[in-house]
């Protein structure tokens, strides 16, 4: 008993007590003729001892009856995530699967709400671009027969499959490019730092600055969100300094921030881009090339990320014993007018 209620027993608990794999327990429950009598006996004894009650919804999910997948994204206003979802939908259509979509707006409470909702709906699996550490909640999902794949977030501990771009390498590429164009006072603009990708991109930026030696300075300008408005606010804070204290280059943690920074420079009119201040973003969303000053950026293969994540998720739904895998795509530097050519 726990907090006055019964503790749910999962198929993984049964497998652990019986000393067999989760797949073997599944076969005993669904295809006992394919399993040795010894395994059947061991699993049956474990079920009786633990009081395991079969979850019929989960059984149907594992059999492939569910035709929906949940997708929780970090910021639905960011065109990068729109393209990632589109990529997942392209792959899902091939398998006659619909995607149920939830936008957390970088809000942990909304993130929990959507995870709980998709668990109640018994989706076939969950794709998630998380805000913070969601490992315990995803473990609970998996115990109930719902696999999960991290999207745009590398799984550091390897407990779950993930599909991402190497954000550290991307941050390094961005700042190396700025240094190669002659910039020496670089500012990283991003936040909140609860978001793993922000930290990774800053780590790459710092590595590039450190490798360049003492003649390159890197400062950090924190934002409360990864939005155009936050980027514009950060830009106006910079421009309130005396011109001699301005950075000569800005690396934004995503393109929305970079577009806000560019907007502030254009509206203010005192700082020329890229003459006085160069700007580079991250993601290479469609608006980057169409900006008033076309924006340099670090490109992520957004649709490929979505397609790959959905494919891995369906494989794990079909085989609960599959080993988690980490798929990491290389970032690509795209140079446009905002950093000079």
Protein backbone atom coordinates (compact mmCIF):
# COMPACT_ATOMS: atom_id res chain seq x y z
CA UNK A 1 0.00 0.00 0.00
CA UNK A 2 1.14 3.59 -0.64
CA UNK A 3 -0.64 6.76 0.58
CA UNK A 4 -3.69 4.67 1.35
CA UNK A 5 -3.93 3.11 -2.12
CA UNK A 6 -2.58 0.05 -3.86
CA UNK A 7 0.70 0.38 -5.70
CA UNK A 8 0.28 -0.48 -9.39
CA UNK A 9 2.25 -3.53 -10.44
CA UNK A 10 3.72 -3.35 -13.94
CA UNK A 11 4.71 -6.00 -16.41
CA UNK A 12 8.34 -5.05 -15.74
CA UNK A 13 7.86 -5.91 -12.05
CA UNK A 14 6.57 -9.33 -13.07
CA UNK A 15 9.52 -9.85 -15.43
CA UNK A 16 12.03 -8.91 -12.72
CA UNK A 17 10.57 -11.28 -10.14
CA UNK A 18 10.27 -14.12 -12.64
CA UNK A 19 13.81 -13.57 -13.92
CA UNK A 20 12.70 -13.24 -17.54
CA UNK A 21 12.44 -10.43 -20.09
CA UNK A 22 9.43 -8.17 -20.51
CA UNK A 23 8.94 -9.73 -23.93
CA UNK A 24 8.68 -13.19 -22.35
CA UNK A 25 6.00 -11.97 -19.94
CA UNK A 26 4.14 -10.44 -22.88
CA UNK A 27 4.34 -13.75 -24.75
CA UNK A 28 3.04 -15.66 -21.73
CA UNK A 29 0.05 -13.32 -21.55
CA UNK A 30 -0.65 -13.17 -25.29
CA UNK A 31 1.02 -16.17 -27.00
CA UNK A 32 1.70 -18.81 -24.32
CA UNK A 33 2.12 -21.53 -26.98
CA UNK A 34 5.34 -19.79 -28.07
CA UNK A 35 6.93 -19.93 -24.59
CA UNK A 36 8.49 -22.82 -22.69
CA UNK A 37 6.47 -24.36 -19.88
CA UNK A 38 9.16 -23.36 -17.38
CA UNK A 39 8.79 -19.69 -18.37
CA UNK A 40 5.01 -19.93 -18.18
CA UNK A 41 5.23 -21.37 -14.67
CA UNK A 42 7.70 -18.73 -13.46
CA UNK A 43 5.65 -15.87 -14.88
CA UNK A 44 2.41 -17.27 -13.49
CA UNK A 45 3.92 -17.59 -10.00
CA UNK A 46 5.21 -13.99 -10.20
CA UNK A 47 1.80 -12.73 -11.29
CA UNK A 48 0.12 -14.51 -8.39
CA UNK A 49 2.68 -13.29 -5.86
CA UNK A 50 2.56 -9.65 -6.98
CA UNK A 51 -1.16 -9.53 -7.65
CA UNK A 52 -0.59 -8.24 -11.17
CA UNK A 53 -3.79 -7.18 -12.92
CA UNK A 54 -3.60 -7.10 -16.67
CA UNK A 55 -4.20 -3.68 -18.19
CA UNK A 56 -6.30 -4.43 -21.23
CA UNK A 57 -5.78 -0.96 -22.69
CA UNK A 58 -2.04 -1.40 -22.47
CA UNK A 59 -2.33 -4.85 -24.00
CA UNK A 60 -4.20 -3.42 -26.96
CA UNK A 61 -1.63 -0.63 -27.24
CA UNK A 62 1.21 -3.16 -27.45
CA UNK A 63 -0.76 -5.14 -30.00
CA UNK A 64 -0.87 -2.05 -32.18
CA UNK A 65 -4.58 -1.22 -31.76
CA UNK A 66 -3.97 2.41 -30.68
CA UNK A 67 -3.77 4.67 -33.70
CA UNK A 68 -2.55 7.80 -31.91
CA UNK A 69 0.81 9.11 -30.74
CA UNK A 70 1.25 12.04 -28.36
CA UNK A 71 3.72 14.82 -29.10
CA UNK A 72 4.61 17.38 -26.40
CA UNK A 73 6.67 20.31 -27.64
CA UNK A 74 8.56 23.01 -25.79
CA UNK A 75 7.32 26.02 -27.75
CA UNK A 76 4.51 25.74 -30.27
CA UNK A 77 5.17 29.27 -31.56
CA UNK A 78 8.66 28.32 -32.72
CA UNK A 79 8.53 27.31 -36.42
CA UNK A 80 11.34 24.85 -35.71
CA UNK A 81 8.99 22.70 -33.64
CA UNK A 82 6.22 23.12 -36.21
CA UNK A 83 8.54 21.56 -38.80
CA UNK A 84 9.57 18.77 -36.41
CA UNK A 85 5.89 17.88 -35.87
CA UNK A 86 5.32 18.00 -39.63
CA UNK A 87 8.15 15.52 -40.10
CA UNK A 88 6.62 13.20 -37.51
CA UNK A 89 3.23 13.53 -39.22
CA UNK A 90 4.77 12.63 -42.58
CA UNK A 91 6.06 9.37 -41.09
CA UNK A 92 2.89 8.72 -39.05
CA UNK A 93 0.71 8.97 -42.15
CA UNK A 94 2.57 6.00 -43.66
CA UNK A 95 1.40 3.91 -40.70
CA UNK A 96 -2.18 5.29 -40.51
CA UNK A 97 -1.41 6.97 -37.19
CA UNK A 98 -2.63 10.36 -35.96
CA UNK A 99 -0.54 12.69 -33.80
CA UNK A 100 -2.08 14.39 -30.78
CA UNK A 101 -0.16 17.59 -30.13
CA UNK A 102 0.41 19.58 -26.93
CA UNK A 103 2.35 22.84 -26.52
CA UNK A 104 3.85 23.47 -23.06
CA UNK A 105 5.03 27.05 -23.67
CA UNK A 106 8.06 26.23 -21.46
CA UNK A 107 5.67 25.64 -18.53
CA UNK A 108 6.41 22.54 -16.38
CA UNK A 109 2.77 22.40 -15.16
CA UNK A 110 1.43 22.27 -18.71
CA UNK A 111 4.06 19.67 -19.53
CA UNK A 112 2.83 17.44 -16.69
CA UNK A 113 -0.77 17.99 -17.75
CA UNK A 114 -0.12 16.81 -21.31
CA UNK A 115 1.90 13.78 -20.22
CA UNK A 116 -0.93 12.76 -17.87
CA UNK A 117 -3.52 13.36 -20.59
CA UNK A 118 -1.72 11.22 -23.14
CA UNK A 119 -1.23 8.49 -20.54
CA UNK A 120 -4.96 8.49 -19.85
CA UNK A 121 -5.63 8.31 -23.59
CA UNK A 122 -3.35 5.26 -23.80
CA UNK A 123 -1.53 6.56 -26.86
CA UNK A 124 0.78 4.14 -28.62
CA UNK A 125 3.76 6.22 -27.58
CA UNK A 126 4.95 9.69 -26.63
CA UNK A 127 7.35 12.05 -28.39
CA UNK A 128 8.49 14.88 -26.13
CA UNK A 129 10.71 17.94 -26.38
CA UNK A 130 10.92 18.44 -22.60
CA UNK A 131 11.42 21.54 -20.51
CA UNK A 132 13.20 19.98 -17.53
CA UNK A 133 13.90 16.49 -16.20
CA UNK A 134 10.94 14.29 -17.09
CA UNK A 135 12.68 10.94 -16.56
CA UNK A 136 10.51 9.76 -13.61
CA UNK A 137 7.29 10.51 -15.50
CA UNK A 138 8.50 8.79 -18.64
CA UNK A 139 9.50 5.75 -16.59
CA UNK A 140 5.95 5.63 -15.25
CA UNK A 141 4.64 5.75 -18.81
CA UNK A 142 6.91 2.94 -19.90
CA UNK A 143 5.87 0.80 -16.94
CA UNK A 144 2.31 1.14 -18.23
CA UNK A 145 3.27 0.02 -21.72
CA UNK A 146 3.76 3.44 -23.33
CA UNK A 147 7.26 4.06 -24.78
CA UNK A 148 8.69 7.58 -25.04
CA UNK A 149 11.35 9.19 -27.24
CA UNK A 150 13.07 12.50 -26.44
CA UNK A 151 13.06 15.01 -29.30
CA UNK A 152 15.63 17.82 -29.65
CA UNK A 153 17.15 16.63 -26.38
CA UNK A 154 20.04 14.17 -26.00
CA UNK A 155 19.39 11.48 -23.38
CA UNK A 156 22.48 11.82 -21.21
CA UNK A 157 21.81 8.71 -19.12
CA UNK A 158 20.67 6.61 -22.08
CA UNK A 159 17.47 5.44 -20.38
CA UNK A 160 15.33 6.63 -23.28
CA UNK A 161 15.89 6.92 -26.99
CA UNK A 162 16.51 10.43 -28.24
CA UNK A 163 16.77 12.28 -31.56
CA UNK A 164 18.63 15.57 -31.53
CA UNK A 165 21.27 17.80 -33.06
CA UNK A 166 24.64 18.23 -31.37
CA UNK A 167 23.90 21.59 -29.74
CA UNK A 168 27.38 21.87 -28.21
CA UNK A 169 28.92 21.53 -31.67
CA UNK A 170 26.38 24.03 -33.00
CA UNK A 171 27.30 26.60 -30.37
CA UNK A 172 30.96 26.12 -31.17
CA UNK A 173 30.30 26.54 -34.92
CA UNK A 174 28.42 29.79 -34.35
CA UNK A 175 31.10 31.46 -32.25
CA UNK A 176 33.96 30.15 -34.38
CA UNK A 177 32.27 31.79 -37.36
CA UNK A 178 31.93 35.08 -35.49
CA UNK A 179 35.60 34.96 -34.49
CA UNK A 180 36.63 34.20 -38.08
CA UNK A 181 34.81 37.35 -39.22
CA UNK A 182 36.92 39.41 -36.81
CA UNK A 183 34.58 39.66 -33.83
CA UNK A 184 36.19 39.79 -30.40
CA UNK A 185 33.43 40.87 -27.96
CA UNK A 186 30.79 38.17 -28.26
CA UNK A 187 27.59 37.93 -26.21
CA UNK A 188 25.51 34.77 -25.84
CA UNK A 189 21.80 35.63 -25.53
CA UNK A 190 19.50 32.92 -24.20
CA UNK A 191 17.49 31.38 -21.41
CA UNK A 192 16.00 30.08 -19.27
CA UNK A 193 18.87 27.81 -18.35
CA UNK A 194 16.52 25.04 -17.20
CA UNK A 195 16.37 24.19 -20.90
CA UNK A 196 19.14 21.72 -21.72
CA UNK A 197 19.64 23.02 -25.24
CA UNK A 198 20.41 26.51 -23.95
CA UNK A 199 23.13 25.16 -21.68
CA UNK A 200 24.59 23.01 -24.46
CA UNK A 201 24.76 25.88 -26.93
CA UNK A 202 26.39 28.10 -24.33
CA UNK A 203 28.92 25.34 -23.58
CA UNK A 204 29.85 25.20 -27.26
CA UNK A 205 30.16 28.98 -27.40
CA UNK A 206 32.46 28.99 -24.39
CA UNK A 207 34.61 26.23 -25.90
CA UNK A 208 35.09 28.28 -29.07
CA UNK A 209 35.96 31.42 -27.10
CA UNK A 210 38.38 29.53 -24.86
CA UNK A 211 40.10 27.98 -27.88
CA UNK A 212 40.57 31.45 -29.37
CA UNK A 213 42.52 32.62 -26.33
CA UNK A 214 42.40 35.70 -24.16
CA UNK A 215 41.74 38.12 -27.03
CA UNK A 216 38.09 36.96 -27.27
CA UNK A 217 35.59 37.85 -24.53
CA UNK A 218 32.26 36.02 -24.10
CA UNK A 219 29.52 37.47 -21.93
CA UNK A 220 26.11 35.96 -21.16
CA UNK A 221 22.89 37.93 -21.47
CA UNK A 222 20.06 35.91 -19.89
CA UNK A 223 16.47 35.91 -21.16
CA UNK A 224 13.32 34.61 -19.50
CA UNK A 225 12.08 32.85 -22.64
CA UNK A 226 13.15 31.97 -26.18
CA UNK A 227 10.85 34.45 -27.96
CA UNK A 228 11.07 37.41 -30.33
CA UNK A 229 9.87 39.74 -27.56
CA UNK A 230 12.59 38.54 -25.18
CA UNK A 231 15.19 38.97 -27.91
CA UNK A 232 14.01 42.52 -28.61
CA UNK A 233 14.12 43.35 -24.90
CA UNK A 234 17.68 42.02 -24.65
CA UNK A 235 18.63 44.08 -27.72
CA UNK A 236 17.30 47.28 -26.18
CA UNK A 237 19.20 46.56 -22.94
CA UNK A 238 22.39 46.26 -24.97
CA UNK A 239 21.73 49.50 -26.83
CA UNK A 240 21.22 51.40 -23.57
CA UNK A 241 24.92 50.93 -22.90
CA UNK A 242 27.45 53.42 -24.23
CA UNK A 243 28.38 52.39 -27.80
CA UNK A 244 31.91 51.58 -26.68
CA UNK A 245 30.47 48.90 -24.35
CA UNK A 246 28.38 47.16 -27.01
CA UNK A 247 29.35 43.60 -27.95
CA UNK A 248 30.44 43.39 -31.57
CA UNK A 249 28.63 40.05 -32.06
CA UNK A 250 25.54 38.31 -30.65
CA UNK A 251 24.92 34.56 -30.65
CA UNK A 252 21.26 33.88 -29.86
CA UNK A 253 20.18 30.49 -28.49
CA UNK A 254 17.49 30.27 -31.16
CA UNK A 255 16.31 32.18 -34.23
CA UNK A 256 13.32 33.79 -32.51
CA UNK A 257 15.67 35.49 -30.05
CA UNK A 258 17.97 36.46 -32.92
CA UNK A 259 15.10 38.00 -34.88
CA UNK A 260 14.10 40.00 -31.79
CA UNK A 261 17.67 41.24 -31.41
CA UNK A 262 17.74 42.23 -35.08
CA UNK A 263 14.39 43.99 -34.70
CA UNK A 264 15.75 46.06 -31.80
CA UNK A 265 18.81 47.09 -33.82
CA UNK A 266 16.75 48.09 -36.86
CA UNK A 267 14.15 50.04 -34.84
CA UNK A 268 16.78 51.86 -32.78
CA UNK A 269 18.82 52.71 -35.85
CA UNK A 270 22.14 53.43 -34.11
CA UNK A 271 23.78 50.02 -34.55
CA UNK A 272 24.40 48.72 -38.05
CA UNK A 273 24.04 44.96 -38.61
CA UNK A 274 26.54 43.52 -39.32
CA UNK A 275 28.84 46.56 -39.39
CA UNK A 276 28.66 47.35 -35.67
CA UNK A 277 27.06 44.17 -34.33
CA UNK A 278 26.89 40.80 -36.07
CA UNK A 279 24.01 38.43 -35.18
CA UNK A 280 23.69 34.67 -35.57
CA UNK A 281 20.84 32.41 -34.43
CA UNK A 282 20.12 28.70 -34.10
CA UNK A 283 17.56 26.47 -35.93
CA UNK A 284 17.45 28.19 -39.36
CA UNK A 285 13.68 28.62 -39.38
CA UNK A 286 12.10 29.83 -42.66
CA UNK A 287 11.83 33.42 -41.38
CA UNK A 288 15.63 33.62 -40.96
CA UNK A 289 16.33 34.04 -44.66
CA UNK A 290 13.45 36.52 -45.08
CA UNK A 291 14.50 38.91 -42.28
CA UNK A 292 15.21 42.59 -42.99
CA UNK A 293 18.87 41.61 -42.74
CA UNK A 294 18.96 37.91 -43.70
CA UNK A 295 19.96 36.00 -40.59
CA UNK A 296 22.94 33.67 -40.27
CA UNK A 297 22.01 30.58 -38.31
CA UNK A 298 22.90 27.06 -37.24
CA UNK A 299 20.63 24.71 -39.15
CA UNK A 300 18.88 21.70 -37.64
CA UNK A 301 17.26 19.10 -39.97
CA UNK A 302 13.86 19.65 -38.35
CA UNK A 303 11.67 17.36 -40.44
CA UNK A 304 14.24 14.59 -40.38
CA UNK A 305 14.31 14.82 -36.59
CA UNK A 306 10.53 14.35 -36.46
CA UNK A 307 10.47 11.47 -38.94
CA UNK A 308 13.30 9.65 -37.21
CA UNK A 309 11.77 10.07 -33.76
CA UNK A 310 8.40 8.72 -34.87
CA UNK A 311 10.02 5.74 -36.58
CA UNK A 312 12.00 4.84 -33.44
CA UNK A 313 8.92 5.25 -31.26
CA UNK A 314 6.88 2.81 -33.34
CA UNK A 315 9.71 0.28 -33.25
CA UNK A 316 9.84 0.51 -29.46
CA UNK A 317 6.06 0.17 -29.19
CA UNK A 318 6.31 -3.05 -31.20
CA UNK A 319 9.28 -4.35 -29.18
CA UNK A 320 9.32 -3.28 -25.49
CA UNK A 321 12.71 -5.01 -25.07
CA UNK A 322 14.46 -2.83 -27.64
CA UNK A 323 17.58 -1.05 -26.41
CA UNK A 324 17.32 2.78 -26.29
CA UNK A 325 19.36 4.49 -28.98
CA UNK A 326 20.70 8.03 -29.30
CA UNK A 327 20.47 9.59 -32.77
CA UNK A 328 22.49 12.81 -33.08
CA UNK A 329 22.54 14.83 -36.30
CA UNK A 330 25.41 17.25 -37.05
CA UNK A 331 24.58 20.97 -37.13
CA UNK A 332 25.21 23.07 -40.24
CA UNK A 333 26.43 26.66 -40.40
CA UNK A 334 24.35 28.85 -42.75
CA UNK A 335 25.97 32.21 -43.42
CA UNK A 336 23.88 35.19 -44.46
CA UNK A 337 24.17 38.98 -44.32
CA UNK A 338 23.70 39.40 -40.55
CA UNK A 339 27.28 38.26 -39.93
CA UNK A 340 28.81 39.44 -43.21
CA UNK A 341 30.08 37.13 -45.90
